[in-house]
Amino acid sequence: MTTKTDSKVVTIHLEGVFDYNKRLEFRKTYAAYPPGTVFELDFSKVDSLDSSGLGMLLVMREQVGGEKANISFINCKPDIRHLFQISQFKELFHLR
């Protein structure tokens, strides 16, 4: 997991299987930023995502601002995008 920060957006590059085993690393990655930070999560190198991964995304949303959180998912593979659509994550996050 790597991050790239420009003046307005923090991009977090995720890799491999996004599941419970990534929870501590993932939390450390976004917790370093203050509420109100704009995040992009790059899923281009994510092979799979399970229910614990979905849960970690919901926890992130709550911790970085709840309803005011500004989190976009970018570069999603078709199966990952489909999972976000059927789980109604498109209502909580931006899918680009």
C-alpha atoms as a PDB file:
ATOM      1  CA  MET A   1       0.000   0.000   0.000  1.00  0.00           C
ATOM      2  CA  THR A   2       1.458   3.316  -1.037  1.00  0.00           C
ATOM      3  CA  THR A   3       0.219   6.882  -0.890  1.00  0.00           C
ATOM      4  CA  LYS A   4       0.712   9.888  -3.092  1.00  0.00           C
ATOM      5  CA  THR A   5      -0.245  13.327  -1.857  1.00  0.00           C
ATOM      6  CA  ASP A   6      -0.689  16.445  -3.900  1.00  0.00           C
ATOM      7  CA  SER A   7      -1.956  19.739  -2.559  1.00  0.00           C
ATOM      8  CA  LYS A   8      -5.598  18.651  -2.655  1.00  0.00           C
ATOM      9  CA  VAL A   9      -5.897  14.857  -2.813  1.00  0.00           C
ATOM     10  CA  VAL A  10      -4.361  11.870  -1.050  1.00  0.00           C
ATOM     11  CA  THR A  11      -4.232   8.839  -3.340  1.00  0.00           C
ATOM     12  CA  ILE A  12      -3.899   5.442  -1.672  1.00  0.00           C
ATOM     13  CA  HIS A  13      -2.760   2.651  -4.004  1.00  0.00           C
ATOM     14  CA  LEU A  14      -4.138  -0.698  -2.878  1.00  0.00           C
ATOM     15  CA  GLU A  15      -2.739  -4.056  -4.011  1.00  0.00           C
ATOM     16  CA  GLY A  16      -3.542  -7.758  -4.014  1.00  0.00           C
ATOM     17  CA  VAL A  17      -6.335  -9.122  -1.880  1.00  0.00           C
ATOM     18  CA  PHE A  18      -8.076  -6.386   0.111  1.00  0.00           C
ATOM     19  CA  ASP A  19      -9.234  -8.275   3.194  1.00  0.00           C
ATOM     20  CA  TYR A  20      -8.954  -8.430   6.980  1.00  0.00           C
ATOM     21  CA  ASN A  21      -5.198  -9.018   6.791  1.00  0.00           C
ATOM     22  CA  LYS A  22      -4.748  -5.477   5.416  1.00  0.00           C
ATOM     23  CA  ARG A  23      -6.718  -3.723   8.168  1.00  0.00           C
ATOM     24  CA  LEU A  24      -3.836  -2.360  10.263  1.00  0.00           C
ATOM     25  CA  GLU A  25      -1.776  -1.184   7.295  1.00  0.00           C
ATOM     26  CA  PHE A  26      -4.839   0.396   5.692  1.00  0.00           C
ATOM     27  CA  ARG A  27      -5.890   2.189   8.875  1.00  0.00           C
ATOM     28  CA  LYS A  28      -2.402   3.633   9.406  1.00  0.00           C
ATOM     29  CA  THR A  29      -2.419   4.908   5.838  1.00  0.00           C
ATOM     30  CA  TYR A  30      -5.487   7.146   6.153  1.00  0.00           C
ATOM     31  CA  ALA A  31      -5.394   7.866   9.902  1.00  0.00           C
ATOM     32  CA  ALA A  32      -2.378  10.137   9.443  1.00  0.00           C
ATOM     33  CA  TYR A  33      -4.566  12.746   7.710  1.00  0.00           C
ATOM     34  CA  PRO A  34      -6.987  15.213   9.311  1.00  0.00           C
ATOM     35  CA  PRO A  35     -10.766  15.059   8.855  1.00  0.00           C
ATOM     36  CA  GLY A  36     -11.816  16.772   5.655  1.00  0.00           C
ATOM     37  CA  THR A  37      -8.983  15.293   3.592  1.00  0.00           C
ATOM     38  CA  VAL A  38     -10.011  14.268   0.078  1.00  0.00           C
ATOM     39  CA  PHE A  39      -9.078  10.653  -0.670  1.00  0.00           C
ATOM     40  CA  GLU A  40      -8.794   8.579  -3.824  1.00  0.00           C
ATOM     41  CA  LEU A  41      -8.449   4.832  -3.418  1.00  0.00           C
ATOM     42  CA  ASP A  42      -6.782   3.304  -6.472  1.00  0.00           C
ATOM     43  CA  PHE A  43      -8.049  -0.247  -6.997  1.00  0.00           C
ATOM     44  CA  SER A  44      -6.116  -0.924 -10.230  1.00  0.00           C
ATOM     45  CA  LYS A  45      -3.922  -3.579  -8.560  1.00  0.00           C
ATOM     46  CA  VAL A  46      -6.594  -5.130  -6.324  1.00  0.00           C
ATOM     47  CA  ASP A  47      -7.254  -8.751  -7.265  1.00  0.00           C
ATOM     48  CA  SER A  48     -10.166  -9.351  -4.914  1.00  0.00           C
ATOM     49  CA  LEU A  49     -12.183  -7.759  -2.154  1.00  0.00           C
ATOM     50  CA  ASP A  50     -14.224  -9.538   0.496  1.00  0.00           C
ATOM     51  CA  SER A  51     -16.812  -8.463   3.056  1.00  0.00           C
ATOM     52  CA  SER A  52     -14.134  -7.482   5.576  1.00  0.00           C
ATOM     53  CA  GLY A  53     -12.622  -5.216   2.907  1.00  0.00           C
ATOM     54  CA  LEU A  54     -16.018  -3.593   2.403  1.00  0.00           C
ATOM     55  CA  GLY A  55     -16.266  -3.151   6.163  1.00  0.00           C
ATOM     56  CA  MET A  56     -12.854  -1.481   6.309  1.00  0.00           C
ATOM     57  CA  LEU A  57     -14.000   1.019   3.681  1.00  0.00           C
ATOM     58  CA  LEU A  58     -17.077   1.853   5.774  1.00  0.00           C
ATOM     59  CA  VAL A  59     -14.919   2.315   8.882  1.00  0.00           C
ATOM     60  CA  MET A  60     -12.617   4.614   6.926  1.00  0.00           C
ATOM     61  CA  ARG A  61     -15.606   6.682   5.796  1.00  0.00           C
ATOM     62  CA  GLU A  62     -16.779   7.125   9.384  1.00  0.00           C
ATOM     63  CA  GLN A  63     -13.324   8.017  10.677  1.00  0.00           C
ATOM     64  CA  VAL A  64     -12.542  10.619   8.000  1.00  0.00           C
ATOM     65  CA  GLY A  65     -15.808  12.512   8.182  1.00  0.00           C
ATOM     66  CA  GLY A  66     -18.891  10.296   7.968  1.00  0.00           C
ATOM     67  CA  GLU A  67     -21.462  11.815   5.633  1.00  0.00           C
ATOM     68  CA  LYS A  68     -19.045  14.641   4.827  1.00  0.00           C
ATOM     69  CA  ALA A  69     -16.232  12.254   3.811  1.00  0.00           C
ATOM     70  CA  ASN A  70     -14.927  12.738   0.286  1.00  0.00           C
ATOM     71  CA  ILE A  71     -13.637   9.363  -0.903  1.00  0.00           C
ATOM     72  CA  SER A  72     -13.407   8.249  -4.526  1.00  0.00           C
ATOM     73  CA  PHE A  73     -12.687   4.775  -5.847  1.00  0.00           C
ATOM     74  CA  ILE A  74     -10.650   4.933  -9.051  1.00  0.00           C
ATOM     75  CA  ASN A  75      -9.374   2.416 -11.599  1.00  0.00           C
ATOM     76  CA  CYS A  76     -11.665  -0.399 -10.441  1.00  0.00           C
ATOM     77  CA  LYS A  77     -11.600  -3.646 -12.399  1.00  0.00           C
ATOM     78  CA  PRO A  78     -15.055  -4.643 -13.700  1.00  0.00           C
ATOM     79  CA  ASP A  79     -15.702  -7.270 -11.010  1.00  0.00           C
ATOM     80  CA  ILE A  80     -14.695  -4.877  -8.208  1.00  0.00           C
ATOM     81  CA  ARG A  81     -16.867  -2.100  -9.691  1.00  0.00           C
ATOM     82  CA  HIS A  82     -19.781  -4.547  -9.923  1.00  0.00           C
ATOM     83  CA  LEU A  83     -19.355  -5.486  -6.249  1.00  0.00           C
ATOM     84  CA  PHE A  84     -19.483  -1.798  -5.273  1.00  0.00           C
ATOM     85  CA  GLN A  85     -22.600  -1.283  -7.367  1.00  0.00           C
ATOM     86  CA  ILE A  86     -24.555  -4.247  -5.998  1.00  0.00           C
ATOM     87  CA  SER A  87     -23.556  -3.424  -2.417  1.00  0.00           C
ATOM     88  CA  GLN A  88     -24.830   0.165  -2.903  1.00  0.00           C
ATOM     89  CA  PHE A  89     -21.408   1.665  -2.177  1.00  0.00           C
ATOM     90  CA  LYS A  90     -22.023   4.050  -5.063  1.00  0.00           C
ATOM     91  CA  GLU A  91     -24.384   5.835  -2.646  1.00  0.00           C
ATOM     92  CA  LEU A  92     -21.614   6.369  -0.073  1.00  0.00           C
ATOM     93  CA  PHE A  93     -18.490   6.787  -2.207  1.00  0.00           C
ATOM     94  CA  HIS A  94     -17.632   8.243  -5.605  1.00  0.00           C
ATOM     95  CA  LEU A  95     -16.949   5.631  -8.292  1.00  0.00           C
ATOM     96  CA  ARG A  96     -14.722   6.909 -11.080  1.00  0.00           C
END
